[in-house]
Amino acid sequence: MTDIETQNLAIARRYIEQFLGKGDVSIAEEILAEKVQVTTGLKPSGPIDGIEEYKQIFAGFYDAFPDVQPLTIEDIFAAGDRVVVRFKSFQRHAKDYFGIPKSDRVIIFHETHVMRIANGKIVENIVSATNLEFEMLMAPVLAPLILT
């Protein structure tokens, strides 16, 4: 493994464990590029465009779905400027989200993130998720955004 790959693994781990796992958006400027592009279901109309939009979208999600136990990284590996992380998290639907009333249900998220890192910052992140519980809960809001 190269020094760059080792550094990229550390950046990706910090992003997953602290930013996503603990909702700590205060570290965004340290680990995300200003014009980061994030493809995720949290914005079904297209990629999240830039650090400010990402902080706003993710903070809203995490406020409504706080963690109930520490996120678990199941796989993490690097190749060149890419890092892939697969994790599982448990989040409680504790507040209304996009008009969907809180359910107090614990939702299990299974996600794989493919990140491209340049100059010590994440410049792109493509999220693939098997989050059927979340998708079904959010279907009244998501369906019109995706199917129209």
Protein backbone atom coordinates (compact mmCIF):
# COMPACT_ATOMS: atom_id res chain seq x y z
CA MET A 1 0.00 0.00 0.00
CA THR A 2 1.30 3.46 -0.90
CA ASP A 3 1.59 6.38 1.52
CA ILE A 4 -1.18 8.19 -0.38
CA GLU A 5 -3.50 5.18 -0.05
CA THR A 6 -2.78 5.01 3.68
CA GLN A 7 -3.56 8.74 4.02
CA ASN A 8 -6.72 8.34 1.94
CA LEU A 9 -7.91 5.48 4.16
CA ALA A 10 -7.49 7.70 7.23
CA ILE A 11 -9.47 10.53 5.58
CA ALA A 12 -12.26 8.17 4.52
CA ARG A 13 -12.44 6.54 7.95
CA ARG A 14 -12.69 9.94 9.65
CA TYR A 15 -15.43 11.00 7.22
CA ILE A 16 -17.45 7.82 7.79
CA GLU A 17 -17.00 7.58 11.56
CA GLN A 18 -17.24 11.25 12.53
CA PHE A 19 -19.14 13.10 9.80
CA LEU A 20 -21.64 10.36 8.91
CA GLY A 21 -21.49 8.25 12.07
CA LYS A 22 -21.67 11.06 14.63
CA GLY A 23 -23.18 13.84 12.53
CA ASP A 24 -20.14 16.08 13.11
CA VAL A 25 -20.43 18.49 10.17
CA SER A 26 -17.86 20.78 11.83
CA ILE A 27 -15.07 18.69 10.26
CA ALA A 28 -16.43 19.16 6.72
CA GLU A 29 -13.89 21.80 5.65
CA GLU A 30 -11.02 19.57 6.79
CA ILE A 31 -12.04 16.48 4.83
CA LEU A 32 -14.28 17.62 1.96
CA ALA A 33 -13.27 19.63 -1.10
CA GLU A 34 -15.15 22.91 -1.52
CA LYS A 35 -16.84 21.64 -4.69
CA VAL A 36 -17.39 18.06 -3.50
CA GLN A 37 -19.94 16.10 -5.55
CA VAL A 38 -22.01 13.54 -3.63
CA THR A 39 -24.46 11.20 -5.33
CA THR A 40 -26.90 9.99 -2.67
CA GLY A 41 -30.57 9.31 -2.12
CA LEU A 42 -30.68 12.23 0.32
CA LYS A 43 -30.92 14.40 -2.80
CA PRO A 44 -32.75 12.30 -5.40
CA SER A 45 -32.90 15.14 -7.96
CA GLY A 46 -29.14 15.00 -8.63
CA PRO A 47 -25.73 15.13 -6.98
CA ILE A 48 -25.19 17.30 -3.94
CA ASP A 49 -23.13 20.17 -5.27
CA GLY A 50 -20.55 21.56 -2.88
CA ILE A 51 -19.67 21.48 0.77
CA GLU A 52 -22.31 23.96 1.99
CA GLU A 53 -25.19 22.10 0.35
CA TYR A 54 -23.84 18.81 1.70
CA LYS A 55 -23.58 20.11 5.27
CA GLN A 56 -27.13 21.46 5.10
CA ILE A 57 -28.64 18.28 3.63
CA PHE A 58 -26.76 15.91 5.91
CA ALA A 59 -27.36 17.96 9.08
CA GLY A 60 -31.11 17.87 8.37
CA PHE A 61 -31.02 14.12 7.86
CA TYR A 62 -28.94 13.45 10.98
CA ASP A 63 -31.15 15.70 13.09
CA ALA A 64 -34.18 13.61 12.11
CA PHE A 65 -32.31 10.27 12.18
CA PRO A 66 -29.72 10.33 15.00
CA ASP A 67 -27.63 7.24 15.60
CA VAL A 68 -28.62 4.80 18.31
CA GLN A 69 -25.34 2.92 18.38
CA PRO A 70 -21.91 3.44 16.82
CA LEU A 71 -21.69 2.93 13.08
CA THR A 72 -19.84 -0.28 12.09
CA ILE A 73 -17.37 -0.30 9.20
CA GLU A 74 -17.57 -3.72 7.56
CA ASP A 75 -15.05 -3.20 4.72
CA ILE A 76 -12.59 -0.46 3.83
CA PHE A 77 -9.92 -0.51 1.16
CA ALA A 78 -8.01 1.86 -1.10
CA ALA A 79 -6.68 1.73 -4.65
CA GLY A 80 -4.94 4.80 -5.98
CA ASP A 81 -7.12 7.85 -5.39
CA ARG A 82 -10.22 5.76 -4.54
CA VAL A 83 -11.45 4.45 -1.21
CA VAL A 84 -14.39 2.11 -0.79
CA VAL A 85 -16.15 1.81 2.56
CA ARG A 86 -19.06 -0.49 3.38
CA PHE A 87 -20.81 0.12 6.68
CA LYS A 88 -23.94 -0.47 8.71
CA SER A 89 -25.64 2.05 10.97
CA PHE A 90 -28.73 2.14 13.15
CA GLN A 91 -30.63 5.44 13.20
CA ARG A 92 -33.86 6.36 14.98
CA HIS A 93 -36.50 8.31 13.07
CA ALA A 94 -36.79 10.84 15.90
CA LYS A 95 -38.17 13.92 14.09
CA ASP A 96 -40.36 14.70 11.12
CA TYR A 97 -38.39 14.52 7.87
CA PHE A 98 -39.57 15.94 4.55
CA GLY A 99 -43.11 15.96 5.92
CA ILE A 100 -43.01 12.33 7.08
CA PRO A 101 -43.99 12.27 10.77
CA LYS A 102 -41.48 10.77 13.17
CA SER A 103 -42.03 7.07 13.72
CA ASP A 104 -39.44 6.41 16.46
CA ARG A 105 -38.48 3.31 14.44
CA VAL A 106 -34.86 2.25 14.32
CA ILE A 107 -33.84 2.05 10.68
CA ILE A 108 -30.85 -0.04 9.59
CA PHE A 109 -28.73 1.55 6.87
CA HIS A 110 -26.39 -0.61 4.77
CA GLU A 111 -24.24 1.62 2.57
CA THR A 112 -21.23 1.46 0.30
CA HIS A 113 -19.38 4.68 -0.43
CA VAL A 114 -16.91 5.01 -3.29
CA MET A 115 -14.81 8.12 -2.71
CA ARG A 116 -12.26 9.87 -4.88
CA ILE A 117 -9.72 11.81 -2.85
CA ALA A 118 -7.36 14.48 -4.16
CA ASN A 119 -4.97 16.70 -2.22
CA GLY A 120 -6.15 15.23 1.09
CA LYS A 121 -9.85 15.95 0.55
CA ILE A 122 -12.85 14.00 -0.71
CA VAL A 123 -13.81 15.44 -4.10
CA GLU A 124 -16.43 12.87 -5.06
CA ASN A 125 -18.52 10.32 -3.21
CA ILE A 126 -20.96 7.92 -4.83
CA VAL A 127 -23.28 6.20 -2.37
CA SER A 128 -24.90 2.86 -3.05
CA ALA A 129 -27.33 1.74 -0.41
CA THR A 130 -29.66 -1.07 0.51
CA ASN A 131 -31.94 0.98 2.71
CA LEU A 132 -35.34 -0.49 1.93
CA GLU A 133 -36.84 0.46 5.33
CA PHE A 134 -35.84 4.10 4.82
CA GLU A 135 -36.98 4.11 1.21
CA MET A 136 -40.39 2.66 2.10
CA LEU A 137 -40.79 5.13 4.97
CA MET A 138 -39.94 8.02 2.64
CA ALA A 139 -41.86 6.67 -0.40
CA PRO A 140 -44.65 9.29 -0.23
CA VAL A 141 -42.03 12.02 -0.66
CA LEU A 142 -39.44 10.22 -2.79
CA ALA A 143 -41.74 8.62 -5.38
CA PRO A 144 -42.90 11.90 -6.96
CA LEU A 145 -39.30 13.21 -7.04
CA ILE A 146 -37.97 10.11 -8.74
CA LEU A 147 -40.88 8.93 -10.91
CA THR A 148 -41.87 12.26 -12.50
